Amino acid sequence: MSRVPVYEQIVEQTKKFILTGVLQAGDQIPTVRQMSVDLSLNPNTVQKAVKELDRQGLIYSLSGRGCFIAADALRILREEKRQGLHDLQEQIRELAISGIGRDELVEIIDRVYEKQGRKDK
């Protein structure tokens, strides 16, 4: 029921799987046909997601063998997230202007990291 196109949802979920270690370099992803059956989707929708993952360098295909997670997929995604820090900095600046205190922000950040099972600062 999301307003986000289905192929984008597949791309984002695949990225999340890579970032969390569910999918690792060299892992094979399901075929377009298998994903379309499993998710009850039009194969063209799934193919569009696969093409986008390939375009971003997150997967590669071997003719007749399928698609696999690229060796540097995790590095690519981490770099993409690091580039998002600038946007976060702007949002924090706006929150500070709005009167949201540093302690409140740090508390929220700590909660997020605790939910992820990470204690690093």
PDB file of N, CA and C in Angstrom:
ATOM      1  N   MET A   1       0.816  -1.198   0.000  1.00  0.00           N
ATOM      2  CA  MET A   1       0.000   0.000   0.000  1.00  0.00           C
ATOM      3  C   MET A   1       0.863   1.266   0.000  1.00  0.00           C
ATOM      4  N   SER A   2       2.160   1.097  -0.170  1.00  0.00           N
ATOM      5  CA  SER A   2       3.076   2.228  -0.164  1.00  0.00           C
ATOM      6  C   SER A   2       2.937   3.036  -1.455  1.00  0.00           C
ATOM      7  N   ARG A   3       3.278   4.303  -1.364  1.00  0.00           N
ATOM      8  CA  ARG A   3       3.286   5.158  -2.550  1.00  0.00           C
ATOM      9  C   ARG A   3       4.593   5.013  -3.321  1.00  0.00           C
ATOM     10  N   VAL A   4       5.561   4.343  -2.713  1.00  0.00           N
ATOM     11  CA  VAL A   4       6.845   4.111  -3.365  1.00  0.00           C
ATOM     12  C   VAL A   4       6.664   3.001  -4.394  1.00  0.00           C
ATOM     13  N   PRO A   5       7.136   3.208  -5.625  1.00  0.00           N
ATOM     14  CA  PRO A   5       6.992   2.159  -6.637  1.00  0.00           C
ATOM     15  C   PRO A   5       7.593   0.827  -6.155  1.00  0.00           C
ATOM     16  N   VAL A   6       6.974  -0.259  -6.562  1.00  0.00           N
ATOM     17  CA  VAL A   6       7.369  -1.582  -6.093  1.00  0.00           C
ATOM     18  C   VAL A   6       8.825  -1.885  -6.440  1.00  0.00           C
ATOM     19  N   TYR A   7       9.270  -1.521  -7.639  1.00  0.00           N
ATOM     20  CA  TYR A   7      10.653  -1.831  -8.003  1.00  0.00           C
ATOM     21  C   TYR A   7      11.626  -1.099  -7.077  1.00  0.00           C
ATOM     22  N   GLU A   8      11.285   0.120  -6.649  1.00  0.00           N
ATOM     23  CA  GLU A   8      12.128   0.856  -5.707  1.00  0.00           C
ATOM     24  C   GLU A   8      12.125   0.181  -4.334  1.00  0.00           C
ATOM     25  N   GLN A   9      10.983  -0.374  -3.940  1.00  0.00           N
ATOM     26  CA  GLN A   9      10.917  -1.094  -2.681  1.00  0.00           C
ATOM     27  C   GLN A   9      11.838  -2.311  -2.715  1.00  0.00           C
ATOM     28  N   ILE A  10      11.883  -3.008  -3.852  1.00  0.00           N
ATOM     29  CA  ILE A  10      12.771  -4.168  -3.993  1.00  0.00           C
ATOM     30  C   ILE A  10      14.229  -3.718  -3.901  1.00  0.00           C
ATOM     31  N   VAL A  11      14.556  -2.630  -4.570  1.00  0.00           N
ATOM     32  CA  VAL A  11      15.924  -2.104  -4.524  1.00  0.00           C
ATOM     33  C   VAL A  11      16.301  -1.741  -3.094  1.00  0.00           C
ATOM     34  N   GLU A  12      15.436  -1.009  -2.410  1.00  0.00           N
ATOM     35  CA  GLU A  12      15.731  -0.579  -1.041  1.00  0.00           C
ATOM     36  C   GLU A  12      15.841  -1.764  -0.081  1.00  0.00           C
ATOM     37  N   GLN A  13      14.986  -2.761  -0.245  1.00  0.00           N
ATOM     38  CA  GLN A  13      15.056  -3.939   0.619  1.00  0.00           C
ATOM     39  C   GLN A  13      16.345  -4.712   0.368  1.00  0.00           C
ATOM     40  N   THR A  14      16.751  -4.803  -0.877  1.00  0.00           N
ATOM     41  CA  THR A  14      18.007  -5.478  -1.201  1.00  0.00           C
ATOM     42  C   THR A  14      19.183  -4.727  -0.576  1.00  0.00           C
ATOM     43  N   LYS A  15      19.151  -3.408  -0.646  1.00  0.00           N
ATOM     44  CA  LYS A  15      20.201  -2.603  -0.015  1.00  0.00           C
ATOM     45  C   LYS A  15      20.242  -2.849   1.483  1.00  0.00           C
ATOM     46  N   LYS A  16      19.083  -2.897   2.105  1.00  0.00           N
ATOM     47  CA  LYS A  16      19.023  -3.137   3.547  1.00  0.00           C
ATOM     48  C   LYS A  16      19.603  -4.515   3.878  1.00  0.00           C
ATOM     49  N   PHE A  17      19.276  -5.514   3.057  1.00  0.00           N
ATOM     50  CA  PHE A  17      19.814  -6.861   3.268  1.00  0.00           C
ATOM     51  C   PHE A  17      21.338  -6.870   3.159  1.00  0.00           C
ATOM     52  N   ILE A  18      21.888  -6.089   2.240  1.00  0.00           N
ATOM     53  CA  ILE A  18      23.340  -6.020   2.096  1.00  0.00           C
ATOM     54  C   ILE A  18      23.958  -5.325   3.307  1.00  0.00           C
ATOM     55  N   LEU A  19      23.370  -4.198   3.711  1.00  0.00           N
ATOM     56  CA  LEU A  19      23.904  -3.444   4.844  1.00  0.00           C
ATOM     57  C   LEU A  19      23.848  -4.225   6.154  1.00  0.00           C
ATOM     58  N   THR A  20      22.834  -5.065   6.320  1.00  0.00           N
ATOM     59  CA  THR A  20      22.689  -5.818   7.571  1.00  0.00           C
ATOM     60  C   THR A  20      23.367  -7.182   7.523  1.00  0.00           C
ATOM     61  N   GLY A  21      23.945  -7.532   6.373  1.00  0.00           N
ATOM     62  CA  GLY A  21      24.659  -8.792   6.267  1.00  0.00           C
ATOM     63  C   GLY A  21      23.818  -9.992   5.890  1.00  0.00           C
ATOM     64  N   VAL A  22      22.538  -9.782   5.648  1.00  0.00           N
ATOM     65  CA  VAL A  22      21.683 -10.883   5.202  1.00  0.00           C
ATOM     66  C   VAL A  22      22.163 -11.373   3.834  1.00  0.00           C
ATOM     67  N   LEU A  23      22.532 -10.418   2.975  1.00  0.00           N
ATOM     68  CA  LEU A  23      23.139 -10.744   1.683  1.00  0.00           C
ATOM     69  C   LEU A  23      24.582 -10.270   1.720  1.00  0.00           C
ATOM     70  N   GLN A  24      25.487 -11.141   1.297  1.00  0.00           N
ATOM     71  CA  GLN A  24      26.908 -10.802   1.304  1.00  0.00           C
ATOM     72  C   GLN A  24      27.495 -10.973  -0.086  1.00  0.00           C
ATOM     73  N   ALA A  25      28.680 -10.413  -0.272  1.00  0.00           N
ATOM     74  CA  ALA A  25      29.370 -10.497  -1.555  1.00  0.00           C
ATOM     75  C   ALA A  25      29.412 -11.936  -2.044  1.00  0.00           C
ATOM     76  N   GLY A  26      29.018 -12.124  -3.294  1.00  0.00           N
ATOM     77  CA  GLY A  26      29.034 -13.455  -3.895  1.00  0.00           C
ATOM     78  C   GLY A  26      27.746 -14.226  -3.748  1.00  0.00           C
ATOM     79  N   ASP A  27      26.856 -13.790  -2.865  1.00  0.00           N
ATOM     80  CA  ASP A  27      25.573 -14.479  -2.698  1.00  0.00           C
ATOM     81  C   ASP A  27      24.732 -14.309  -3.958  1.00  0.00           C
ATOM     82  N   GLN A  28      24.065 -15.378  -4.333  1.00  0.00           N
ATOM     83  CA  GLN A  28      23.175 -15.315  -5.487  1.00  0.00           C
ATOM     84  C   GLN A  28      21.805 -14.811  -5.030  1.00  0.00           C
ATOM     85  N   ILE A  29      21.218 -13.940  -5.839  1.00  0.00           N
ATOM     86  CA  ILE A  29      19.869 -13.483  -5.546  1.00  0.00           C
ATOM     87  C   ILE A  29      18.903 -14.328  -6.375  1.00  0.00           C
ATOM     88  N   PRO A  30      17.652 -14.414  -5.957  1.00  0.00           N
ATOM     89  CA  PRO A  30      16.683 -15.199  -6.730  1.00  0.00           C
ATOM     90  C   PRO A  30      16.543 -14.662  -8.155  1.00  0.00           C
ATOM     91  N   THR A  31      16.157 -15.528  -9.053  1.00  0.00           N
ATOM     92  CA  THR A  31      15.941 -15.124 -10.441  1.00  0.00           C
ATOM     93  C   THR A  31      14.732 -14.203 -10.523  1.00  0.00           C
ATOM     94  N   VAL A  32      14.650 -13.478 -11.633  1.00  0.00           N
ATOM     95  CA  VAL A  32      13.500 -12.604 -11.862  1.00  0.00           C
ATOM     96  C   VAL A  32      12.218 -13.425 -11.808  1.00  0.00           C
ATOM     97  N   ARG A  33      12.234 -14.552 -12.453  1.00  0.00           N
ATOM     98  CA  ARG A  33      11.047 -15.414 -12.467  1.00  0.00           C
ATOM     99  C   ARG A  33      10.668 -15.850 -11.053  1.00  0.00           C
ATOM    100  N   GLN A  34      11.666 -16.277 -10.272  1.00  0.00           N
ATOM    101  CA  GLN A  34      11.382 -16.739  -8.910  1.00  0.00           C
ATOM    102  C   GLN A  34      10.848 -15.605  -8.039  1.00  0.00           C
ATOM    103  N   MET A  35      11.483 -14.422  -8.125  1.00  0.00           N
ATOM    104  CA  MET A  35      11.014 -13.286  -7.323  1.00  0.00           C
ATOM    105  C   MET A  35       9.606 -12.875  -7.724  1.00  0.00           C
ATOM    106  N   SER A  36       9.323 -12.886  -9.022  1.00  0.00           N
ATOM    107  CA  SER A  36       7.991 -12.469  -9.464  1.00  0.00           C
ATOM    108  C   SER A  36       6.927 -13.435  -8.963  1.00  0.00           C
ATOM    109  N   VAL A  37       7.251 -14.731  -8.923  1.00  0.00           N
ATOM    110  CA  VAL A  37       6.307 -15.719  -8.389  1.00  0.00           C
ATOM    111  C   VAL A  37       6.171 -15.551  -6.875  1.00  0.00           C
ATOM    112  N   ASP A  38       7.311 -15.473  -6.185  1.00  0.00           N
ATOM    113  CA  ASP A  38       7.294 -15.367  -4.718  1.00  0.00           C
ATOM    114  C   ASP A  38       6.571 -14.119  -4.228  1.00  0.00           C
ATOM    115  N   LEU A  39       6.750 -13.014  -4.961  1.00  0.00           N
ATOM    116  CA  LEU A  39       6.167 -11.732  -4.537  1.00  0.00           C
ATOM    117  C   LEU A  39       4.865 -11.403  -5.257  1.00  0.00           C
ATOM    118  N   SER A  40       4.425 -12.292  -6.130  1.00  0.00           N
ATOM    119  CA  SER A  40       3.208 -12.071  -6.927  1.00  0.00           C
ATOM    120  C   SER A  40       3.283 -10.746  -7.687  1.00  0.00           C
ATOM    121  N   LEU A  41       4.393 -10.571  -8.389  1.00  0.00           N
ATOM    122  CA  LEU A  41       4.614  -9.341  -9.147  1.00  0.00           C
ATOM    123  C   LEU A  41       4.818  -9.645 -10.620  1.00  0.00           C
ATOM    124  N   ASN A  42       4.600  -8.634 -11.428  1.00  0.00           N
ATOM    125  CA  ASN A  42       4.884  -8.733 -12.844  1.00  0.00           C
ATOM    126  C   ASN A  42       6.406  -8.873 -13.006  1.00  0.00           C
ATOM    127  N   PRO A  43       6.874  -9.811 -13.821  1.00  0.00           N
ATOM    128  CA  PRO A  43       8.316  -9.968 -14.021  1.00  0.00           C
ATOM    129  C   PRO A  43       9.011  -8.689 -14.512  1.00  0.00           C
ATOM    130  N   ASN A  44       8.303  -7.855 -15.255  1.00  0.00           N
ATOM    131  CA  ASN A  44       8.900  -6.594 -15.720  1.00  0.00           C
ATOM    132  C   ASN A  44       9.250  -5.674 -14.552  1.00  0.00           C
ATOM    133  N   THR A  45       8.424  -5.707 -13.512  1.00  0.00           N
ATOM    134  CA  THR A  45       8.683  -4.901 -12.314  1.00  0.00           C
ATOM    135  C   THR A  45       9.959  -5.382 -11.634  1.00  0.00           C
ATOM    136  N   VAL A  46      10.080  -6.688 -11.481  1.00  0.00           N
ATOM    137  CA  VAL A  46      11.265  -7.265 -10.851  1.00  0.00           C
ATOM    138  C   VAL A  46      12.493  -6.991 -11.713  1.00  0.00           C
ATOM    139  N   GLN A  47      12.357  -7.140 -13.024  1.00  0.00           N
ATOM    140  CA  GLN A  47      13.476  -6.893 -13.933  1.00  0.00           C
ATOM    141  C   GLN A  47      13.965  -5.457 -13.822  1.00  0.00           C
ATOM    142  N   LYS A  48      13.051  -4.522 -13.648  1.00  0.00           N
ATOM    143  CA  LYS A  48      13.421  -3.112 -13.501  1.00  0.00           C
ATOM    144  C   LYS A  48      14.268  -2.919 -12.237  1.00  0.00           C
ATOM    145  N   ALA A  49      13.897  -3.607 -11.156  1.00  0.00           N
ATOM    146  CA  ALA A  49      14.664  -3.532  -9.909  1.00  0.00           C
ATOM    147  C   ALA A  49      16.058  -4.132 -10.104  1.00  0.00           C
ATOM    148  N   VAL A  50      16.131  -5.267 -10.775  1.00  0.00           N
ATOM    149  CA  VAL A  50      17.414  -5.928 -11.022  1.00  0.00           C
ATOM    150  C   VAL A  50      18.318  -5.028 -11.865  1.00  0.00           C
ATOM    151  N   LYS A  51      17.766  -4.399 -12.878  1.00  0.00           N
ATOM    152  CA  LYS A  51      18.550  -3.483 -13.714  1.00  0.00           C
ATOM    153  C   LYS A  51      19.079  -2.311 -12.899  1.00  0.00           C
ATOM    154  N   GLU A  52      18.258  -1.796 -11.993  1.00  0.00           N
ATOM    155  CA  GLU A  52      18.685  -0.670 -11.156  1.00  0.00           C
ATOM    156  C   GLU A  52      19.796  -1.106 -10.196  1.00  0.00           C
ATOM    157  N   LEU A  53      19.681  -2.272  -9.600  1.00  0.00           N
ATOM    158  CA  LEU A  53      20.730  -2.785  -8.716  1.00  0.00           C
ATOM    159  C   LEU A  53      22.034  -2.964  -9.492  1.00  0.00           C
ATOM    160  N   ASP A  54      21.931  -3.439 -10.718  1.00  0.00           N
ATOM    161  CA  ASP A  54      23.102  -3.610 -11.571  1.00  0.00           C
ATOM    162  C   ASP A  54      23.702  -2.252 -11.939  1.00  0.00           C
ATOM    163  N   ARG A  55      22.858  -1.296 -12.284  1.00  0.00           N
ATOM    164  CA  ARG A  55      23.312   0.043 -12.643  1.00  0.00           C
ATOM    165  C   ARG A  55      24.088   0.686 -11.490  1.00  0.00           C
ATOM    166  N   GLN A  56      23.639   0.430 -10.271  1.00  0.00           N
ATOM    167  CA  GLN A  56      24.288   1.004  -9.090  1.00  0.00           C
ATOM    168  C   GLN A  56      25.547   0.229  -8.689  1.00  0.00           C
ATOM    169  N   GLY A  57      25.820  -0.873  -9.373  1.00  0.00           N
ATOM    170  CA  GLY A  57      27.021  -1.656  -9.091  1.00  0.00           C
ATOM    171  C   GLY A  57      26.894  -2.583  -7.897  1.00  0.00           C
ATOM    172  N   LEU A  58      25.661  -2.838  -7.470  1.00  0.00           N
ATOM    173  CA  LEU A  58      25.452  -3.676  -6.291  1.00  0.00           C
ATOM    174  C   LEU A  58      25.370  -5.155  -6.627  1.00  0.00           C
ATOM    175  N   ILE A  59      25.011  -5.465  -7.861  1.00  0.00           N
ATOM    176  CA  ILE A  59      24.957  -6.851  -8.307  1.00  0.00           C
ATOM    177  C   ILE A  59      25.643  -6.970  -9.658  1.00  0.00           C
ATOM    178  N   TYR A  60      25.945  -8.190 -10.027  1.00  0.00           N
ATOM    179  CA  TYR A  60      26.458  -8.466 -11.368  1.00  0.00           C
ATOM    180  C   TYR A  60      25.822  -9.767 -11.822  1.00  0.00           C
ATOM    181  N   SER A  61      25.767  -9.955 -13.125  1.00  0.00           N
ATOM    182  CA  SER A  61      25.147 -11.177 -13.636  1.00  0.00           C
ATOM    183  C   SER A  61      26.169 -12.000 -14.400  1.00  0.00           C
ATOM    184  N   LEU A  62      26.001 -13.305 -14.310  1.00  0.00           N
ATOM    185  CA  LEU A  62      26.793 -14.252 -15.070  1.00  0.00           C
ATOM    186  C   LEU A  62      25.836 -14.977 -15.997  1.00  0.00           C
ATOM    187  N   SER A  63      26.086 -14.874 -17.263  1.00  0.00           N
ATOM    188  CA  SER A  63      25.195 -15.450 -18.258  1.00  0.00           C
ATOM    189  C   SER A  63      24.911 -16.926 -17.963  1.00  0.00           C
ATOM    190  N   GLY A  64      23.635 -17.230 -17.852  1.00  0.00           N
ATOM    191  CA  GLY A  64      23.203 -18.595 -17.602  1.00  0.00           C
ATOM    192  C   GLY A  64      23.315 -19.050 -16.161  1.00  0.00           C
ATOM    193  N   ARG A  65      23.900 -18.225 -15.294  1.00  0.00           N
ATOM    194  CA  ARG A  65      24.074 -18.620 -13.893  1.00  0.00           C
ATOM    195  C   ARG A  65      23.251 -17.783 -12.923  1.00  0.00           C
ATOM    196  N   GLY A  66      22.943 -16.540 -13.278  1.00  0.00           N
ATOM    197  CA  GLY A  66      22.139 -15.705 -12.412  1.00  0.00           C
ATOM    198  C   GLY A  66      22.833 -14.422 -11.999  1.00  0.00           C
ATOM    199  N   CYS A  67      22.259 -13.775 -10.991  1.00  0.00           N
ATOM    200  CA  CYS A  67      22.781 -12.509 -10.477  1.00  0.00           C
ATOM    201  C   CYS A  67      23.335 -12.715  -9.076  1.00  0.00           C
ATOM    202  N   PHE A  68      24.417 -12.001  -8.784  1.00  0.00           N
ATOM    203  CA  PHE A  68      25.137 -12.153  -7.529  1.00  0.00           C
ATOM    204  C   PHE A  68      25.443 -10.785  -6.933  1.00  0.00           C
ATOM    205  N   ILE A  69      25.596 -10.762  -5.613  1.00  0.00           N
ATOM    206  CA  ILE A  69      25.960  -9.525  -4.926  1.00  0.00           C
ATOM    207  C   ILE A  69      27.418  -9.214  -5.258  1.00  0.00           C
ATOM    208  N   ALA A  70      27.675  -7.977  -5.665  1.00  0.00           N
ATOM    209  CA  ALA A  70      29.017  -7.549  -6.046  1.00  0.00           C
ATOM    210  C   ALA A  70      29.942  -7.503  -4.836  1.00  0.00           C
ATOM    211  N   ALA A  71      31.225  -7.702  -5.091  1.00  0.00           N
ATOM    212  CA  ALA A  71      32.220  -7.718  -4.019  1.00  0.00           C
ATOM    213  C   ALA A  71      32.276  -6.389  -3.268  1.00  0.00           C
ATOM    214  N   ASP A  72      32.059  -5.293  -3.964  1.00  0.00           N
ATOM    215  CA  ASP A  72      32.154  -3.988  -3.303  1.00  0.00           C
ATOM    216  C   ASP A  72      30.792  -3.350  -3.014  1.00  0.00           C
ATOM    217  N   ALA A  73      29.741  -4.153  -3.008  1.00  0.00           N
ATOM    218  CA  ALA A  73      28.386  -3.624  -2.760  1.00  0.00           C
ATOM    219  C   ALA A  73      28.288  -2.945  -1.396  1.00  0.00           C
ATOM    220  N   LEU A  74      28.850  -3.576  -0.374  1.00  0.00           N
ATOM    221  CA  LEU A  74      28.776  -3.000   0.970  1.00  0.00           C
ATOM    222  C   LEU A  74      29.522  -1.670   1.028  1.00  0.00           C
ATOM    223  N   ARG A  75      30.690  -1.601   0.401  1.00  0.00           N
ATOM    224  CA  ARG A  75      31.456  -0.357   0.377  1.00  0.00           C
ATOM    225  C   ARG A  75      30.677   0.742  -0.347  1.00  0.00           C
ATOM    226  N   ILE A  76      30.051   0.406  -1.462  1.00  0.00           N
ATOM    227  CA  ILE A  76      29.262   1.373  -2.230  1.00  0.00           C
ATOM    228  C   ILE A  76      28.120   1.924  -1.375  1.00  0.00           C
ATOM    229  N   LEU A  77      27.423   1.038  -0.681  1.00  0.00           N
ATOM    230  CA  LEU A  77      26.290   1.482   0.135  1.00  0.00           C
ATOM    231  C   LEU A  77      26.743   2.311   1.331  1.00  0.00           C
ATOM    232  N   ARG A  78      27.844   1.922   1.947  1.00  0.00           N
ATOM    233  CA  ARG A  78      28.344   2.703   3.085  1.00  0.00           C
ATOM    234  C   ARG A  78      28.751   4.099   2.635  1.00  0.00           C
ATOM    235  N   GLU A  79      29.368   4.202   1.477  1.00  0.00           N
ATOM    236  CA  GLU A  79      29.750   5.506   0.940  1.00  0.00           C
ATOM    237  C   GLU A  79      28.507   6.339   0.634  1.00  0.00           C
ATOM    238  N   GLU A  80      27.482   5.698   0.085  1.00  0.00           N
ATOM    239  CA  GLU A  80      26.215   6.384  -0.198  1.00  0.00           C
ATOM    240  C   GLU A  80      25.620   6.949   1.091  1.00  0.00           C
ATOM    241  N   LYS A  81      25.659   6.154   2.150  1.00  0.00           N
ATOM    242  CA  LYS A  81      25.112   6.613   3.439  1.00  0.00           C
ATOM    243  C   LYS A  81      25.953   7.738   4.022  1.00  0.00           C
ATOM    244  N   ARG A  82      27.272   7.653   3.866  1.00  0.00           N
ATOM    245  CA  ARG A  82      28.144   8.723   4.371  1.00  0.00           C
ATOM    246  C   ARG A  82      27.844  10.047   3.676  1.00  0.00           C
ATOM    247  N   GLN A  83      27.524   9.998   2.406  1.00  0.00           N
ATOM    248  CA  GLN A  83      27.190  11.210   1.672  1.00  0.00           C
ATOM    249  C   GLN A  83      25.906  11.826   2.217  1.00  0.00           C
ATOM    250  N   GLY A  84      25.059  11.014   2.811  1.00  0.00           N
ATOM    251  CA  GLY A  84      23.827  11.503   3.416  1.00  0.00           C
ATOM    252  C   GLY A  84      24.057  12.266   4.710  1.00  0.00           C
ATOM    253  N   LEU A  85      25.276  12.223   5.234  1.00  0.00           N
ATOM    254  CA  LEU A  85      25.568  12.940   6.475  1.00  0.00           C
ATOM    255  C   LEU A  85      25.409  14.447   6.307  1.00  0.00           C
ATOM    256  N   HIS A  86      25.668  14.955   5.133  1.00  0.00           N
ATOM    257  CA  HIS A  86      25.486  16.392   4.888  1.00  0.00           C
ATOM    258  C   HIS A  86      24.021  16.777   5.077  1.00  0.00           C
ATOM    259  N   ASP A  87      23.125  15.947   4.532  1.00  0.00           N
ATOM    260  CA  ASP A  87      21.689  16.206   4.686  1.00  0.00           C
ATOM    261  C   ASP A  87      21.298  16.134   6.161  1.00  0.00           C
ATOM    262  N   LEU A  88      21.859  15.173   6.866  1.00  0.00           N
ATOM    263  CA  LEU A  88      21.573  15.030   8.297  1.00  0.00           C
ATOM    264  C   LEU A  88      22.048  16.263   9.062  1.00  0.00           C
ATOM    265  N   GLN A  89      23.203  16.750   8.695  1.00  0.00           N
ATOM    266  CA  GLN A  89      23.737  17.946   9.342  1.00  0.00           C
ATOM    267  C   GLN A  89      22.782  19.124   9.168  1.00  0.00           C
ATOM    268  N   GLU A  90      22.218  19.263   7.991  1.00  0.00           N
ATOM    269  CA  GLU A  90      21.264  20.345   7.746  1.00  0.00           C
ATOM    270  C   GLU A  90      19.992  20.156   8.584  1.00  0.00           C
ATOM    271  N   GLN A  91      19.531  18.917   8.695  1.00  0.00           N
ATOM    272  CA  GLN A  91      18.343  18.649   9.508  1.00  0.00           C
ATOM    273  C   GLN A  91      18.618  18.950  10.972  1.00  0.00           C
ATOM    274  N   ILE A  92      19.800  18.596  11.459  1.00  0.00           N
ATOM    275  CA  ILE A  92      20.153  18.871  12.855  1.00  0.00           C
ATOM    276  C   ILE A  92      20.215  20.379  13.083  1.00  0.00           C
ATOM    277  N   ARG A  93      20.756  21.098  12.111  1.00  0.00           N
ATOM    278  CA  ARG A  93      20.813  22.567  12.224  1.00  0.00           C
ATOM    279  C   ARG A  93      19.389  23.138  12.364  1.00  0.00           C
ATOM    280  N   GLU A  94      18.455  22.627  11.555  1.00  0.00           N
ATOM    281  CA  GLU A  94      17.071  23.092  11.628  1.00  0.00           C
ATOM    282  C   GLU A  94      16.433  22.735  12.966  1.00  0.00           C
ATOM    283  N   LEU A  95      16.727  21.542  13.479  1.00  0.00           N
ATOM    284  CA  LEU A  95      16.201  21.145  14.789  1.00  0.00           C
ATOM    285  C   LEU A  95      16.746  22.051  15.885  1.00  0.00           C
ATOM    286  N   ALA A  96      18.027  22.378  15.807  1.00  0.00           N
ATOM    287  CA  ALA A  96      18.631  23.264  16.802  1.00  0.00           C
ATOM    288  C   ALA A  96      17.975  24.643  16.764  1.00  0.00           C
ATOM    289  N   ILE A  97      17.725  25.139  15.565  1.00  0.00           N
ATOM    290  CA  ILE A  97      17.063  26.436  15.420  1.00  0.00           C
ATOM    291  C   ILE A  97      15.661  26.382  16.020  1.00  0.00           C
ATOM    292  N   SER A  98      15.019  25.207  15.910  1.00  0.00           N
ATOM    293  CA  SER A  98      13.659  25.036  16.428  1.00  0.00           C
ATOM    294  C   SER A  98      13.612  24.859  17.937  1.00  0.00           C
ATOM    295  N   GLY A  99      14.778  24.801  18.564  1.00  0.00           N
ATOM    296  CA  GLY A  99      14.811  24.684  20.011  1.00  0.00           C
ATOM    297  C   GLY A  99      14.988  23.268  20.531  1.00  0.00           C
ATOM    298  N   ILE A 100      15.223  22.309  19.651  1.00  0.00           N
ATOM    299  CA  ILE A 100      15.477  20.933  20.094  1.00  0.00           C
ATOM    300  C   ILE A 100      16.904  20.893  20.637  1.00  0.00           C
ATOM    301  N   GLY A 101      17.041  20.423  21.868  1.00  0.00           N
ATOM    302  CA  GLY A 101      18.341  20.429  22.530  1.00  0.00           C
ATOM    303  C   GLY A 101      19.249  19.289  22.107  1.00  0.00           C
ATOM    304  N   ARG A 102      20.562  19.501  22.266  1.00  0.00           N
ATOM    305  CA  ARG A 102      21.571  18.513  21.930  1.00  0.00           C
ATOM    306  C   ARG A 102      21.354  17.219  22.714  1.00  0.00           C
ATOM    307  N   ASP A 103      21.037  17.332  23.994  1.00  0.00           N
ATOM    308  CA  ASP A 103      20.841  16.142  24.829  1.00  0.00           C
ATOM    309  C   ASP A 103      19.716  15.263  24.285  1.00  0.00           C
ATOM    310  N   GLU A 104      18.642  15.884  23.826  1.00  0.00           N
ATOM    311  CA  GLU A 104      17.528  15.123  23.270  1.00  0.00           C
ATOM    312  C   GLU A 104      17.950  14.387  21.998  1.00  0.00           C
ATOM    313  N   LEU A 105      18.715  15.065  21.160  1.00  0.00           N
ATOM    314  CA  LEU A 105      19.202  14.429  19.930  1.00  0.00           C
ATOM    315  C   LEU A 105      20.141  13.265  20.242  1.00  0.00           C
ATOM    316  N   VAL A 106      21.045  13.463  21.177  1.00  0.00           N
ATOM    317  CA  VAL A 106      21.991  12.402  21.552  1.00  0.00           C
ATOM    318  C   VAL A 106      21.240  11.208  22.125  1.00  0.00           C
ATOM    319  N   GLU A 107      20.212  11.471  22.912  1.00  0.00           N
ATOM    320  CA  GLU A 107      19.404  10.383  23.483  1.00  0.00           C
ATOM    321  C   GLU A 107      18.731   9.567  22.378  1.00  0.00           C
ATOM    322  N   ILE A 108      18.215  10.242  21.372  1.00  0.00           N
ATOM    323  CA  ILE A 108      17.573   9.557  20.243  1.00  0.00           C
ATOM    324  C   ILE A 108      18.601   8.723  19.481  1.00  0.00           C
ATOM    325  N   ILE A 109      19.760   9.308  19.236  1.00  0.00           N
ATOM    326  CA  ILE A 109      20.822   8.581  18.531  1.00  0.00           C
ATOM    327  C   ILE A 109      21.229   7.340  19.324  1.00  0.00           C
ATOM    328  N   ASP A 110      21.403   7.485  20.642  1.00  0.00           N
ATOM    329  CA  ASP A 110      21.773   6.344  21.481  1.00  0.00           C
ATOM    330  C   ASP A 110      20.723   5.229  21.411  1.00  0.00           C
ATOM    331  N   ARG A 111      19.440   5.615  21.424  1.00  0.00           N
ATOM    332  CA  ARG A 111      18.365   4.608  21.334  1.00  0.00           C
ATOM    333  C   ARG A 111      18.437   3.842  20.021  1.00  0.00           C
ATOM    334  N   VAL A 112      18.678   4.560  18.926  1.00  0.00           N
ATOM    335  CA  VAL A 112      18.773   3.910  17.616  1.00  0.00           C
ATOM    336  C   VAL A 112      19.920   2.900  17.616  1.00  0.00           C
ATOM    337  N   TYR A 113      21.074   3.310  18.115  1.00  0.00           N
ATOM    338  CA  TYR A 113      22.226   2.407  18.130  1.00  0.00           C
ATOM    339  C   TYR A 113      21.995   1.221  19.061  1.00  0.00           C
ATOM    340  N   GLU A 114      21.313   1.442  20.163  1.00  0.00           N
ATOM    341  CA  GLU A 114      21.010   0.330  21.079  1.00  0.00           C
ATOM    342  C   GLU A 114      20.083  -0.687  20.414  1.00  0.00           C
ATOM    343  N   LYS A 115      19.094  -0.208  19.668  1.00  0.00           N
ATOM    344  CA  LYS A 115      18.188  -1.112  18.956  1.00  0.00           C
ATOM    345  C   LYS A 115      18.927  -1.938  17.922  1.00  0.00           C
ATOM    346  N   GLN A 116      20.012  -1.390  17.377  1.00  0.00           N
ATOM    347  CA  GLN A 116      20.808  -2.109  16.386  1.00  0.00           C
ATOM    348  C   GLN A 116      21.870  -2.989  17.050  1.00  0.00           C
ATOM    349  N   GLY A 117      21.915  -2.951  18.389  1.00  0.00           N
ATOM    350  CA  GLY A 117      22.879  -3.767  19.103  1.00  0.00           C
ATOM    351  C   GLY A 117      24.295  -3.221  19.027  1.00  0.00           C
ATOM    352  N   ARG A 118      24.407  -1.921  18.772  1.00  0.00           N
ATOM    353  CA  ARG A 118      25.733  -1.294  18.660  1.00  0.00           C
ATOM    354  C   ARG A 118      25.910  -0.306  19.796  1.00  0.00           C
ATOM    355  N   LYS A 119      27.067  -0.367  20.406  1.00  0.00           N
ATOM    356  CA  LYS A 119      27.372   0.522  21.528  1.00  0.00           C
ATOM    357  C   LYS A 119      28.420   1.565  21.180  1.00  0.00           C
ATOM    358  N   ASP A 120      29.005   1.508  19.980  1.00  0.00           N
ATOM    359  CA  ASP A 120      30.096   2.417  19.650  1.00  0.00           C
ATOM    360  C   ASP A 120      29.611   3.860  19.585  1.00  0.00           C
ATOM    361  N   LYS A 121      30.498   4.731  19.858  1.00  0.00           N
ATOM    362  CA  LYS A 121      30.173   6.163  19.906  1.00  0.00           C
ATOM    363  C   LYS A 121      30.844   6.868  18.759  1.00  0.00           C
TER     364      LYS A 121
END
